[in-house]
Amino acid sequence: MRRTVAVLFMIVVLGVTACGGGNSFAANLKSNFLNACEQQGSPSPCECALKQIEAHVSQSTFEASERAQAQGASPPKWQLDAARACKIIK
């Protein structure tokens, strides 16, 4: 399941063309995240996870994490915490 979460987030980052900062992600990042996540299940947990992530990490941190995961790194704790909190993974 960890791999599924990592792949979801990697898909999101690969679709991002604009960079942003702070805790409000660019509209296209949000859209890409939700579209990729909703392919795996219902919209509510995906929206929840997005809100959790935005509340705890900046867009640049999120993007840096995705680049690292694309090279084989494990998902960070904050990413797994959001997925668990929103019932995407157990």
C-alpha atoms as a PDB file:
ATOM      1  CA  MET A   1       0.000   0.000   0.000  1.00  0.00           C
ATOM      2  CA  ARG A   2       2.954   2.318   0.676  1.00  0.00           C
ATOM      3  CA  ARG A   3       3.961   1.914  -2.938  1.00  0.00           C
ATOM      4  CA  THR A   4       0.454   2.882  -4.112  1.00  0.00           C
ATOM      5  CA  VAL A   5       0.605   6.094  -2.113  1.00  0.00           C
ATOM      6  CA  ALA A   6       4.074   6.851  -3.445  1.00  0.00           C
ATOM      7  CA  VAL A   7       2.949   6.260  -7.032  1.00  0.00           C
ATOM      8  CA  LEU A   8      -0.092   8.495  -6.562  1.00  0.00           C
ATOM      9  CA  PHE A   9       2.025  11.350  -5.316  1.00  0.00           C
ATOM     10  CA  MET A  10       4.628  10.826  -8.040  1.00  0.00           C
ATOM     11  CA  ILE A  11       1.917  11.088 -10.705  1.00  0.00           C
ATOM     12  CA  VAL A  12       0.808  14.357  -9.192  1.00  0.00           C
ATOM     13  CA  VAL A  13       4.247  15.907  -9.227  1.00  0.00           C
ATOM     14  CA  LEU A  14       4.977  14.805 -12.773  1.00  0.00           C
ATOM     15  CA  GLY A  15       1.859  16.660 -13.871  1.00  0.00           C
ATOM     16  CA  VAL A  16       2.802  19.906 -12.159  1.00  0.00           C
ATOM     17  CA  THR A  17       4.185  22.674 -14.309  1.00  0.00           C
ATOM     18  CA  ALA A  18       3.933  25.641 -11.933  1.00  0.00           C
ATOM     19  CA  CYS A  19       5.827  26.054  -8.695  1.00  0.00           C
ATOM     20  CA  GLY A  20       4.292  27.626  -5.665  1.00  0.00           C
ATOM     21  CA  GLY A  21       5.105  28.187  -2.063  1.00  0.00           C
ATOM     22  CA  GLY A  22       3.480  28.277   1.304  1.00  0.00           C
ATOM     23  CA  ASN A  23       0.715  25.940   2.341  1.00  0.00           C
ATOM     24  CA  SER A  24      -1.647  26.580  -0.539  1.00  0.00           C
ATOM     25  CA  PHE A  25      -0.759  24.443  -3.516  1.00  0.00           C
ATOM     26  CA  ALA A  26      -1.172  25.627  -7.104  1.00  0.00           C
ATOM     27  CA  ALA A  27      -4.581  24.872  -8.622  1.00  0.00           C
ATOM     28  CA  ASN A  28      -3.121  22.442 -11.159  1.00  0.00           C
ATOM     29  CA  LEU A  29      -1.303  20.526  -8.406  1.00  0.00           C
ATOM     30  CA  LYS A  30      -4.544  20.177  -6.466  1.00  0.00           C
ATOM     31  CA  SER A  31      -6.417  19.049  -9.565  1.00  0.00           C
ATOM     32  CA  ASN A  32      -3.731  16.529 -10.539  1.00  0.00           C
ATOM     33  CA  PHE A  33      -3.594  15.164  -7.002  1.00  0.00           C
ATOM     34  CA  LEU A  34      -7.350  14.734  -6.758  1.00  0.00           C
ATOM     35  CA  ASN A  35      -7.653  13.174 -10.222  1.00  0.00           C
ATOM     36  CA  ALA A  36      -4.882  10.651  -9.518  1.00  0.00           C
ATOM     37  CA  CYS A  37      -6.162   9.843  -6.045  1.00  0.00           C
ATOM     38  CA  GLU A  38      -9.798   9.469  -7.103  1.00  0.00           C
ATOM     39  CA  GLN A  39      -8.787   6.803  -9.628  1.00  0.00           C
ATOM     40  CA  GLN A  40      -7.988   4.673  -6.575  1.00  0.00           C
ATOM     41  CA  GLY A  41     -11.216   5.385  -4.672  1.00  0.00           C
ATOM     42  CA  SER A  42     -13.813   7.919  -3.618  1.00  0.00           C
ATOM     43  CA  PRO A  43     -13.263  11.706  -3.610  1.00  0.00           C
ATOM     44  CA  SER A  44     -13.745  12.376   0.126  1.00  0.00           C
ATOM     45  CA  PRO A  45     -10.575  10.638   1.392  1.00  0.00           C
ATOM     46  CA  CYS A  46      -8.578  12.280  -1.397  1.00  0.00           C
ATOM     47  CA  GLU A  47      -9.814  15.761  -0.486  1.00  0.00           C
ATOM     48  CA  CYS A  48      -9.058  15.003   3.143  1.00  0.00           C
ATOM     49  CA  ALA A  49      -5.487  13.916   2.327  1.00  0.00           C
ATOM     50  CA  LEU A  50      -4.887  17.010   0.216  1.00  0.00           C
ATOM     51  CA  LYS A  51      -6.041  19.258   3.078  1.00  0.00           C
ATOM     52  CA  GLN A  52      -3.855  17.352   5.554  1.00  0.00           C
ATOM     53  CA  ILE A  53      -0.791  17.689   3.347  1.00  0.00           C
ATOM     54  CA  GLU A  54      -1.376  21.369   2.562  1.00  0.00           C
ATOM     55  CA  ALA A  55      -1.769  22.074   6.283  1.00  0.00           C
ATOM     56  CA  HIS A  56       1.551  20.486   7.162  1.00  0.00           C
ATOM     57  CA  VAL A  57       3.986  20.959   4.285  1.00  0.00           C
ATOM     58  CA  SER A  58       4.778  23.544   1.660  1.00  0.00           C
ATOM     59  CA  GLN A  59       4.334  22.842  -2.018  1.00  0.00           C
ATOM     60  CA  SER A  60       8.100  22.940  -2.515  1.00  0.00           C
ATOM     61  CA  THR A  61       8.598  20.327   0.247  1.00  0.00           C
ATOM     62  CA  PHE A  62       5.924  18.167  -1.343  1.00  0.00           C
ATOM     63  CA  GLU A  63       7.568  18.433  -4.763  1.00  0.00           C
ATOM     64  CA  ALA A  64      11.040  17.704  -3.337  1.00  0.00           C
ATOM     65  CA  SER A  65       9.659  14.616  -1.637  1.00  0.00           C
ATOM     66  CA  GLU A  66       8.171  13.403  -4.897  1.00  0.00           C
ATOM     67  CA  ARG A  67      11.456  13.847  -6.745  1.00  0.00           C
ATOM     68  CA  ALA A  68      13.170  11.801  -4.030  1.00  0.00           C
ATOM     69  CA  GLN A  69      10.495   9.095  -4.214  1.00  0.00           C
ATOM     70  CA  ALA A  70      10.882   8.918  -7.989  1.00  0.00           C
ATOM     71  CA  GLN A  71      14.504   7.975  -7.276  1.00  0.00           C
ATOM     72  CA  GLY A  72      13.502   5.239  -4.823  1.00  0.00           C
ATOM     73  CA  ALA A  73      13.112   6.994  -1.467  1.00  0.00           C
ATOM     74  CA  SER A  74      10.292   5.917   0.850  1.00  0.00           C
ATOM     75  CA  PRO A  75       7.296   8.206   1.394  1.00  0.00           C
ATOM     76  CA  PRO A  76       7.883  10.635   4.279  1.00  0.00           C
ATOM     77  CA  LYS A  77       5.996  10.283   7.548  1.00  0.00           C
ATOM     78  CA  TRP A  78       3.756  13.292   6.832  1.00  0.00           C
ATOM     79  CA  GLN A  79       2.582  11.702   3.595  1.00  0.00           C
ATOM     80  CA  LEU A  80       1.775   8.381   5.236  1.00  0.00           C
ATOM     81  CA  ASP A  81       0.115  10.160   8.171  1.00  0.00           C
ATOM     82  CA  ALA A  82      -2.219  12.011   5.778  1.00  0.00           C
ATOM     83  CA  ALA A  83      -3.088   8.801   3.943  1.00  0.00           C
ATOM     84  CA  ARG A  84      -3.816   7.012   7.227  1.00  0.00           C
ATOM     85  CA  ALA A  85      -5.785   9.903   8.734  1.00  0.00           C
ATOM     86  CA  CYS A  86      -8.015   9.991   5.676  1.00  0.00           C
ATOM     87  CA  LYS A  87      -8.453   6.226   5.469  1.00  0.00           C
ATOM     88  CA  ILE A  88      -6.592   5.849   2.159  1.00  0.00           C
ATOM     89  CA  ILE A  89      -4.285   3.320   3.816  1.00  0.00           C
ATOM     90  CA  LYS A  90      -4.387   1.557   7.187  1.00  0.00           C
END
